[in-house]
Amino acid sequence: MKKLIFLVITLFIFVACKKESNISLIRFFPESNLKYSGGFENSGYTVVTKKLSNDLVLQTTKSTATETSRVIKITPESATVIFLSGEGEEYKPGKVNSNLVIMKMPLEKGNSWKSEGNKYEVVSFDGKILAIQRDNGNSNIKYTYETDKGLIEENFESEGFKIESKIIQN
Protein backbone atom coordinates (compact mmCIF):
# COMPACT_ATOMS: atom_id res chain seq x y z
CA MET A 1 0.00 0.00 0.00
CA LYS A 2 2.83 2.41 0.89
CA LYS A 3 4.48 1.68 -2.45
CA LEU A 4 1.24 2.44 -4.29
CA ILE A 5 0.80 5.76 -2.46
CA PHE A 6 4.44 6.66 -3.15
CA LEU A 7 4.00 5.80 -6.85
CA VAL A 8 0.81 7.89 -7.14
CA ILE A 9 2.45 10.89 -5.41
CA THR A 10 5.59 10.60 -7.58
CA LEU A 11 3.48 10.39 -10.74
CA PHE A 12 1.41 13.41 -9.66
CA ILE A 13 4.55 15.49 -8.99
CA PHE A 14 6.06 14.47 -12.34
CA VAL A 15 2.89 15.40 -14.25
CA ALA A 16 2.53 18.71 -12.38
CA CYS A 17 6.16 19.69 -13.08
CA LYS A 18 5.91 18.66 -16.72
CA LYS A 19 2.75 20.74 -17.14
CA GLU A 20 4.41 23.87 -15.72
CA SER A 21 7.40 23.62 -18.06
CA ASN A 22 5.07 23.31 -21.05
CA ILE A 23 3.21 26.54 -20.32
CA SER A 24 2.12 28.56 -23.35
CA LEU A 25 4.51 31.47 -23.89
CA ILE A 26 1.59 33.76 -24.78
CA ARG A 27 0.87 33.89 -21.02
CA PHE A 28 3.96 36.10 -20.59
CA PHE A 29 2.57 38.67 -23.06
CA PRO A 30 -1.06 39.38 -22.00
CA GLU A 31 -2.92 42.44 -23.20
CA SER A 32 -2.02 45.15 -20.72
CA ASN A 33 -1.04 48.75 -20.02
CA LEU A 34 1.87 48.62 -17.55
CA LYS A 35 3.86 51.44 -15.96
CA TYR A 36 7.46 51.01 -14.86
CA SER A 37 9.83 52.93 -12.61
CA GLY A 38 13.46 53.35 -13.62
CA GLY A 39 14.55 53.14 -17.22
CA PHE A 40 16.65 55.72 -19.06
CA GLU A 41 17.42 58.71 -16.85
CA ASN A 42 15.14 57.09 -14.23
CA SER A 43 12.14 58.73 -15.91
CA GLY A 44 9.89 55.67 -16.06
CA TYR A 45 7.96 54.41 -19.05
CA THR A 46 4.75 52.68 -20.13
CA VAL A 47 4.37 49.46 -22.15
CA VAL A 48 1.07 48.74 -23.88
CA THR A 49 0.64 45.16 -25.10
CA LYS A 50 -2.08 44.33 -27.64
CA LYS A 51 -2.94 41.01 -29.21
CA LEU A 52 -2.84 41.27 -33.03
CA SER A 53 -3.77 37.61 -33.62
CA ASN A 54 -3.52 34.23 -31.89
CA ASP A 55 0.25 34.22 -32.37
CA LEU A 56 1.23 37.92 -32.62
CA VAL A 57 1.42 40.65 -29.98
CA LEU A 58 2.33 44.31 -30.41
CA GLN A 59 4.19 46.06 -27.61
CA THR A 60 4.49 49.85 -27.66
CA THR A 61 6.92 51.45 -25.22
CA LYS A 62 6.53 55.15 -24.39
CA SER A 63 9.00 57.14 -22.30
CA THR A 64 9.37 60.88 -21.82
CA ALA A 65 11.55 61.06 -24.94
CA THR A 66 10.71 58.19 -27.30
CA GLU A 67 8.12 55.74 -28.52
CA THR A 68 9.10 52.37 -29.96
CA SER A 69 7.19 49.26 -30.96
CA ARG A 70 7.91 45.60 -31.44
CA VAL A 71 5.87 42.69 -32.72
CA ILE A 72 6.44 39.32 -31.08
CA LYS A 73 5.50 36.05 -32.77
CA ILE A 74 4.54 33.36 -30.26
CA THR A 75 4.85 29.69 -31.20
CA PRO A 76 4.76 26.60 -28.98
CA GLU A 77 8.59 26.59 -29.10
CA SER A 78 9.57 30.28 -28.81
CA ALA A 79 8.75 33.98 -28.59
CA THR A 80 10.51 35.89 -31.38
CA VAL A 81 10.63 39.64 -32.03
CA ILE A 82 9.89 39.83 -35.77
CA PHE A 83 9.49 43.60 -36.09
CA LEU A 84 11.13 46.58 -34.37
CA SER A 85 10.24 50.20 -35.06
CA GLY A 86 11.32 53.66 -34.10
CA GLU A 87 9.06 56.69 -33.89
CA GLY A 88 6.47 57.05 -36.63
CA GLU A 89 6.99 53.61 -38.15
CA GLU A 90 4.04 51.23 -38.07
CA TYR A 91 3.84 47.47 -38.34
CA LYS A 92 2.17 46.19 -41.50
CA PRO A 93 1.08 42.53 -41.53
CA GLY A 94 3.81 40.37 -43.00
CA LYS A 95 6.56 42.97 -42.50
CA VAL A 96 9.59 41.39 -40.82
CA ASN A 97 12.81 43.21 -39.91
CA SER A 98 14.03 41.13 -36.96
CA ASN A 99 14.43 37.52 -35.88
CA LEU A 100 15.35 37.93 -32.19
CA VAL A 101 14.38 34.89 -30.10
CA ILE A 102 13.68 36.25 -26.59
CA MET A 103 12.12 33.11 -25.04
CA LYS A 104 12.63 29.49 -25.91
CA MET A 105 11.23 26.24 -24.59
CA PRO A 106 11.83 24.38 -22.42
CA LEU A 107 11.50 26.86 -19.57
CA GLU A 108 14.02 25.01 -17.46
CA LYS A 109 17.01 26.41 -15.57
CA GLY A 110 20.10 26.28 -17.75
CA ASN A 111 18.30 26.16 -21.10
CA SER A 112 20.26 28.54 -23.34
CA TRP A 113 20.26 29.74 -26.94
CA LYS A 114 21.91 32.35 -29.16
CA SER A 115 20.04 34.91 -31.21
CA GLU A 116 21.31 37.91 -33.17
CA GLY A 117 24.62 38.11 -31.27
CA ASN A 118 23.03 37.63 -27.84
CA LYS A 119 23.25 34.64 -25.52
CA TYR A 120 20.08 33.93 -23.53
CA GLU A 121 19.68 31.59 -20.58
CA VAL A 122 16.74 30.60 -18.40
CA VAL A 123 17.89 31.48 -14.88
CA SER A 124 14.79 30.18 -13.11
CA PHE A 125 11.15 29.25 -13.58
CA ASP A 126 8.83 28.16 -10.79
CA GLY A 127 5.66 27.78 -12.86
CA LYS A 128 4.72 31.45 -12.39
CA ILE A 129 7.87 33.62 -12.35
CA LEU A 130 10.36 33.30 -15.22
CA ALA A 131 13.83 34.88 -15.19
CA ILE A 132 15.92 35.07 -18.38
CA GLN A 133 19.47 36.47 -18.61
CA ARG A 134 20.70 38.10 -21.84
CA ASP A 135 24.42 38.67 -22.47
CA ASN A 136 25.76 40.36 -25.60
CA GLY A 137 29.41 40.58 -24.51
CA ASN A 138 29.14 44.25 -23.51
CA SER A 139 26.13 44.19 -21.22
CA ASN A 140 23.84 41.87 -19.28
CA ILE A 141 20.11 42.19 -18.85
CA LYS A 142 17.98 40.05 -16.58
CA TYR A 143 14.30 39.97 -17.55
CA THR A 144 11.76 38.75 -15.01
CA TYR A 145 8.27 37.82 -16.23
CA GLU A 146 5.13 36.76 -14.40
CA THR A 147 2.50 34.60 -16.08
CA ASP A 148 -0.64 36.52 -17.04
CA LYS A 149 1.06 39.82 -16.10
CA GLY A 150 4.10 40.15 -18.38
CA LEU A 151 7.48 41.74 -17.73
CA ILE A 152 7.69 42.74 -14.06
CA GLU A 153 11.36 43.66 -13.75
CA GLU A 154 14.36 44.41 -15.97
CA ASN A 155 17.93 44.81 -14.68
CA PHE A 156 20.59 46.18 -17.06
CA GLU A 157 24.30 46.17 -16.23
CA SER A 158 27.32 47.27 -18.24
CA GLU A 159 30.81 48.12 -16.97
CA GLY A 160 29.53 48.87 -13.46
CA PHE A 161 26.62 50.98 -14.74
CA LYS A 162 23.22 49.66 -13.61
CA ILE A 163 19.64 50.49 -14.55
CA GLU A 164 16.73 48.79 -12.80
CA SER A 165 13.14 48.97 -14.02
CA LYS A 166 10.19 47.58 -12.06
CA ILE A 167 6.48 47.42 -12.66
CA ILE A 168 4.66 50.02 -10.53
CA GLN A 169 1.13 49.81 -11.86
CA ASN A 170 -0.98 47.51 -14.01
C-alpha atoms as a PDB file:
ATOM      1  CA  MET A   1       0.000   0.000   0.000  1.00  0.00           C
ATOM      2  CA  LYS A   2       2.825   2.413   0.886  1.00  0.00           C
ATOM      3  CA  LYS A   3       4.478   1.676  -2.452  1.00  0.00           C
ATOM      4  CA  LEU A   4       1.242   2.441  -4.287  1.00  0.00           C
ATOM      5  CA  ILE A   5       0.798   5.761  -2.456  1.00  0.00           C
ATOM      6  CA  PHE A   6       4.442   6.661  -3.148  1.00  0.00           C
ATOM      7  CA  LEU A   7       3.996   5.801  -6.846  1.00  0.00           C
ATOM      8  CA  VAL A   8       0.814   7.888  -7.136  1.00  0.00           C
ATOM      9  CA  ILE A   9       2.449  10.893  -5.408  1.00  0.00           C
ATOM     10  CA  THR A  10       5.586  10.603  -7.578  1.00  0.00           C
ATOM     11  CA  LEU A  11       3.485  10.391 -10.738  1.00  0.00           C
ATOM     12  CA  PHE A  12       1.415  13.406  -9.662  1.00  0.00           C
ATOM     13  CA  ILE A  13       4.550  15.494  -8.987  1.00  0.00           C
ATOM     14  CA  PHE A  14       6.057  14.471 -12.344  1.00  0.00           C
ATOM     15  CA  VAL A  15       2.892  15.403 -14.252  1.00  0.00           C
ATOM     16  CA  ALA A  16       2.529  18.712 -12.380  1.00  0.00           C
ATOM     17  CA  CYS A  17       6.162  19.690 -13.078  1.00  0.00           C
ATOM     18  CA  LYS A  18       5.912  18.663 -16.720  1.00  0.00           C
ATOM     19  CA  LYS A  19       2.751  20.742 -17.145  1.00  0.00           C
ATOM     20  CA  GLU A  20       4.405  23.871 -15.715  1.00  0.00           C
ATOM     21  CA  SER A  21       7.400  23.625 -18.057  1.00  0.00           C
ATOM     22  CA  ASN A  22       5.069  23.309 -21.051  1.00  0.00           C
ATOM     23  CA  ILE A  23       3.214  26.541 -20.322  1.00  0.00           C
ATOM     24  CA  SER A  24       2.122  28.561 -23.347  1.00  0.00           C
ATOM     25  CA  LEU A  25       4.511  31.466 -23.886  1.00  0.00           C
ATOM     26  CA  ILE A  26       1.587  33.762 -24.778  1.00  0.00           C
ATOM     27  CA  ARG A  27       0.868  33.893 -21.020  1.00  0.00           C
ATOM     28  CA  PHE A  28       3.964  36.104 -20.588  1.00  0.00           C
ATOM     29  CA  PHE A  29       2.567  38.668 -23.062  1.00  0.00           C
ATOM     30  CA  PRO A  30      -1.056  39.376 -22.003  1.00  0.00           C
ATOM     31  CA  GLU A  31      -2.925  42.438 -23.200  1.00  0.00           C
ATOM     32  CA  SER A  32      -2.019  45.155 -20.718  1.00  0.00           C
ATOM     33  CA  ASN A  33      -1.045  48.747 -20.018  1.00  0.00           C
ATOM     34  CA  LEU A  34       1.867  48.621 -17.553  1.00  0.00           C
ATOM     35  CA  LYS A  35       3.861  51.436 -15.958  1.00  0.00           C
ATOM     36  CA  TYR A  36       7.461  51.014 -14.863  1.00  0.00           C
ATOM     37  CA  SER A  37       9.834  52.930 -12.615  1.00  0.00           C
ATOM     38  CA  GLY A  38      13.460  53.354 -13.623  1.00  0.00           C
ATOM     39  CA  GLY A  39      14.549  53.143 -17.223  1.00  0.00           C
ATOM     40  CA  PHE A  40      16.650  55.715 -19.057  1.00  0.00           C
ATOM     41  CA  GLU A  41      17.421  58.708 -16.847  1.00  0.00           C
ATOM     42  CA  ASN A  42      15.143  57.090 -14.235  1.00  0.00           C
ATOM     43  CA  SER A  43      12.137  58.734 -15.906  1.00  0.00           C
ATOM     44  CA  GLY A  44       9.894  55.671 -16.057  1.00  0.00           C
ATOM     45  CA  TYR A  45       7.957  54.406 -19.046  1.00  0.00           C
ATOM     46  CA  THR A  46       4.754  52.678 -20.133  1.00  0.00           C
ATOM     47  CA  VAL A  47       4.370  49.463 -22.150  1.00  0.00           C
ATOM     48  CA  VAL A  48       1.070  48.737 -23.882  1.00  0.00           C
ATOM     49  CA  THR A  49       0.638  45.156 -25.103  1.00  0.00           C
ATOM     50  CA  LYS A  50      -2.081  44.334 -27.636  1.00  0.00           C
ATOM     51  CA  LYS A  51      -2.941  41.014 -29.214  1.00  0.00           C
ATOM     52  CA  LEU A  52      -2.842  41.267 -33.025  1.00  0.00           C
ATOM     53  CA  SER A  53      -3.774  37.607 -33.624  1.00  0.00           C
ATOM     54  CA  ASN A  54      -3.519  34.228 -31.886  1.00  0.00           C
ATOM     55  CA  ASP A  55       0.254  34.224 -32.372  1.00  0.00           C
ATOM     56  CA  LEU A  56       1.231  37.924 -32.622  1.00  0.00           C
ATOM     57  CA  VAL A  57       1.423  40.649 -29.980  1.00  0.00           C
ATOM     58  CA  LEU A  58       2.328  44.308 -30.411  1.00  0.00           C
ATOM     59  CA  GLN A  59       4.194  46.063 -27.608  1.00  0.00           C
ATOM     60  CA  THR A  60       4.487  49.850 -27.662  1.00  0.00           C
ATOM     61  CA  THR A  61       6.921  51.447 -25.216  1.00  0.00           C
ATOM     62  CA  LYS A  62       6.531  55.145 -24.393  1.00  0.00           C
ATOM     63  CA  SER A  63       8.995  57.137 -22.304  1.00  0.00           C
ATOM     64  CA  THR A  64       9.365  60.882 -21.825  1.00  0.00           C
ATOM     65  CA  ALA A  65      11.555  61.060 -24.943  1.00  0.00           C
ATOM     66  CA  THR A  66      10.709  58.190 -27.298  1.00  0.00           C
ATOM     67  CA  GLU A  67       8.122  55.739 -28.522  1.00  0.00           C
ATOM     68  CA  THR A  68       9.100  52.369 -29.957  1.00  0.00           C
ATOM     69  CA  SER A  69       7.188  49.256 -30.964  1.00  0.00           C
ATOM     70  CA  ARG A  70       7.911  45.604 -31.437  1.00  0.00           C
ATOM     71  CA  VAL A  71       5.871  42.686 -32.722  1.00  0.00           C
ATOM     72  CA  ILE A  72       6.435  39.321 -31.083  1.00  0.00           C
ATOM     73  CA  LYS A  73       5.496  36.048 -32.766  1.00  0.00           C
ATOM     74  CA  ILE A  74       4.543  33.356 -30.259  1.00  0.00           C
ATOM     75  CA  THR A  75       4.851  29.691 -31.204  1.00  0.00           C
ATOM     76  CA  PRO A  76       4.757  26.602 -28.978  1.00  0.00           C
ATOM     77  CA  GLU A  77       8.594  26.594 -29.103  1.00  0.00           C
ATOM     78  CA  SER A  78       9.569  30.283 -28.812  1.00  0.00           C
ATOM     79  CA  ALA A  79       8.749  33.981 -28.594  1.00  0.00           C
ATOM     80  CA  THR A  80      10.511  35.891 -31.379  1.00  0.00           C
ATOM     81  CA  VAL A  81      10.627  39.638 -32.030  1.00  0.00           C
ATOM     82  CA  ILE A  82       9.891  39.828 -35.766  1.00  0.00           C
ATOM     83  CA  PHE A  83       9.495  43.605 -36.090  1.00  0.00           C
ATOM     84  CA  LEU A  84      11.126  46.585 -34.372  1.00  0.00           C
ATOM     85  CA  SER A  85      10.237  50.197 -35.065  1.00  0.00           C
ATOM     86  CA  GLY A  86      11.319  53.655 -34.104  1.00  0.00           C
ATOM     87  CA  GLU A  87       9.063  56.688 -33.889  1.00  0.00           C
ATOM     88  CA  GLY A  88       6.468  57.048 -36.625  1.00  0.00           C
ATOM     89  CA  GLU A  89       6.994  53.607 -38.154  1.00  0.00           C
ATOM     90  CA  GLU A  90       4.035  51.227 -38.067  1.00  0.00           C
ATOM     91  CA  TYR A  91       3.841  47.471 -38.345  1.00  0.00           C
ATOM     92  CA  LYS A  92       2.174  46.190 -41.499  1.00  0.00           C
ATOM     93  CA  PRO A  93       1.083  42.526 -41.529  1.00  0.00           C
ATOM     94  CA  GLY A  94       3.813  40.367 -43.002  1.00  0.00           C
ATOM     95  CA  LYS A  95       6.560  42.965 -42.499  1.00  0.00           C
ATOM     96  CA  VAL A  96       9.589  41.390 -40.825  1.00  0.00           C
ATOM     97  CA  ASN A  97      12.812  43.208 -39.912  1.00  0.00           C
ATOM     98  CA  SER A  98      14.028  41.130 -36.956  1.00  0.00           C
ATOM     99  CA  ASN A  99      14.434  37.518 -35.880  1.00  0.00           C
ATOM    100  CA  LEU A 100      15.350  37.934 -32.195  1.00  0.00           C
ATOM    101  CA  VAL A 101      14.378  34.890 -30.101  1.00  0.00           C
ATOM    102  CA  ILE A 102      13.679  36.254 -26.590  1.00  0.00           C
ATOM    103  CA  MET A 103      12.124  33.108 -25.039  1.00  0.00           C
ATOM    104  CA  LYS A 104      12.635  29.494 -25.906  1.00  0.00           C
ATOM    105  CA  MET A 105      11.231  26.241 -24.593  1.00  0.00           C
ATOM    106  CA  PRO A 106      11.826  24.376 -22.416  1.00  0.00           C
ATOM    107  CA  LEU A 107      11.505  26.863 -19.571  1.00  0.00           C
ATOM    108  CA  GLU A 108      14.021  25.013 -17.458  1.00  0.00           C
ATOM    109  CA  LYS A 109      17.006  26.411 -15.574  1.00  0.00           C
ATOM    110  CA  GLY A 110      20.103  26.280 -17.752  1.00  0.00           C
ATOM    111  CA  ASN A 111      18.299  26.159 -21.104  1.00  0.00           C
ATOM    112  CA  SER A 112      20.263  28.536 -23.345  1.00  0.00           C
ATOM    113  CA  TRP A 113      20.261  29.744 -26.944  1.00  0.00           C
ATOM    114  CA  LYS A 114      21.906  32.354 -29.158  1.00  0.00           C
ATOM    115  CA  SER A 115      20.043  34.906 -31.208  1.00  0.00           C
ATOM    116  CA  GLU A 116      21.314  37.910 -33.166  1.00  0.00           C
ATOM    117  CA  GLY A 117      24.621  38.105 -31.267  1.00  0.00           C
ATOM    118  CA  ASN A 118      23.034  37.628 -27.837  1.00  0.00           C
ATOM    119  CA  LYS A 119      23.245  34.644 -25.524  1.00  0.00           C
ATOM    120  CA  TYR A 120      20.083  33.926 -23.531  1.00  0.00           C
ATOM    121  CA  GLU A 121      19.682  31.587 -20.580  1.00  0.00           C
ATOM    122  CA  VAL A 122      16.742  30.603 -18.404  1.00  0.00           C
ATOM    123  CA  VAL A 123      17.890  31.484 -14.877  1.00  0.00           C
ATOM    124  CA  SER A 124      14.790  30.182 -13.107  1.00  0.00           C
ATOM    125  CA  PHE A 125      11.151  29.252 -13.581  1.00  0.00           C
ATOM    126  CA  ASP A 126       8.830  28.158 -10.788  1.00  0.00           C
ATOM    127  CA  GLY A 127       5.660  27.780 -12.859  1.00  0.00           C
ATOM    128  CA  LYS A 128       4.719  31.447 -12.393  1.00  0.00           C
ATOM    129  CA  ILE A 129       7.868  33.617 -12.350  1.00  0.00           C
ATOM    130  CA  LEU A 130      10.363  33.297 -15.216  1.00  0.00           C
ATOM    131  CA  ALA A 131      13.833  34.882 -15.194  1.00  0.00           C
ATOM    132  CA  ILE A 132      15.918  35.075 -18.382  1.00  0.00           C
ATOM    133  CA  GLN A 133      19.466  36.466 -18.615  1.00  0.00           C
ATOM    134  CA  ARG A 134      20.702  38.095 -21.840  1.00  0.00           C
ATOM    135  CA  ASP A 135      24.423  38.667 -22.473  1.00  0.00           C
ATOM    136  CA  ASN A 136      25.758  40.358 -25.601  1.00  0.00           C
ATOM    137  CA  GLY A 137      29.408  40.581 -24.505  1.00  0.00           C
ATOM    138  CA  ASN A 138      29.140  44.254 -23.508  1.00  0.00           C
ATOM    139  CA  SER A 139      26.129  44.185 -21.217  1.00  0.00           C
ATOM    140  CA  ASN A 140      23.842  41.872 -19.282  1.00  0.00           C
ATOM    141  CA  ILE A 141      20.112  42.193 -18.849  1.00  0.00           C
ATOM    142  CA  LYS A 142      17.976  40.050 -16.578  1.00  0.00           C
ATOM    143  CA  TYR A 143      14.295  39.967 -17.549  1.00  0.00           C
ATOM    144  CA  THR A 144      11.759  38.746 -15.012  1.00  0.00           C
ATOM    145  CA  TYR A 145       8.270  37.824 -16.234  1.00  0.00           C
ATOM    146  CA  GLU A 146       5.133  36.756 -14.396  1.00  0.00           C
ATOM    147  CA  THR A 147       2.504  34.603 -16.082  1.00  0.00           C
ATOM    148  CA  ASP A 148      -0.636  36.519 -17.036  1.00  0.00           C
ATOM    149  CA  LYS A 149       1.063  39.821 -16.104  1.00  0.00           C
ATOM    150  CA  GLY A 150       4.105  40.155 -18.382  1.00  0.00           C
ATOM    151  CA  LEU A 151       7.482  41.737 -17.725  1.00  0.00           C
ATOM    152  CA  ILE A 152       7.689  42.742 -14.064  1.00  0.00           C
ATOM    153  CA  GLU A 153      11.359  43.664 -13.752  1.00  0.00           C
ATOM    154  CA  GLU A 154      14.363  44.408 -15.966  1.00  0.00           C
ATOM    155  CA  ASN A 155      17.932  44.807 -14.683  1.00  0.00           C
ATOM    156  CA  PHE A 156      20.586  46.179 -17.056  1.00  0.00           C
ATOM    157  CA  GLU A 157      24.298  46.174 -16.228  1.00  0.00           C
ATOM    158  CA  SER A 158      27.318  47.269 -18.245  1.00  0.00           C
ATOM    159  CA  GLU A 159      30.814  48.119 -16.968  1.00  0.00           C
ATOM    160  CA  GLY A 160      29.529  48.869 -13.456  1.00  0.00           C
ATOM    161  CA  PHE A 161      26.619  50.977 -14.745  1.00  0.00           C
ATOM    162  CA  LYS A 162      23.217  49.661 -13.614  1.00  0.00           C
ATOM    163  CA  ILE A 163      19.640  50.493 -14.549  1.00  0.00           C
ATOM    164  CA  GLU A 164      16.730  48.794 -12.801  1.00  0.00           C
ATOM    165  CA  SER A 165      13.141  48.970 -14.021  1.00  0.00           C
ATOM    166  CA  LYS A 166      10.194  47.578 -12.063  1.00  0.00           C
ATOM    167  CA  ILE A 167       6.483  47.423 -12.660  1.00  0.00           C
ATOM    168  CA  ILE A 168       4.664  50.016 -10.526  1.00  0.00           C
ATOM    169  CA  GLN A 169       1.126  49.810 -11.863  1.00  0.00           C
ATOM    170  CA  ASN A 170      -0.983  47.511 -14.008  1.00  0.00           C
END
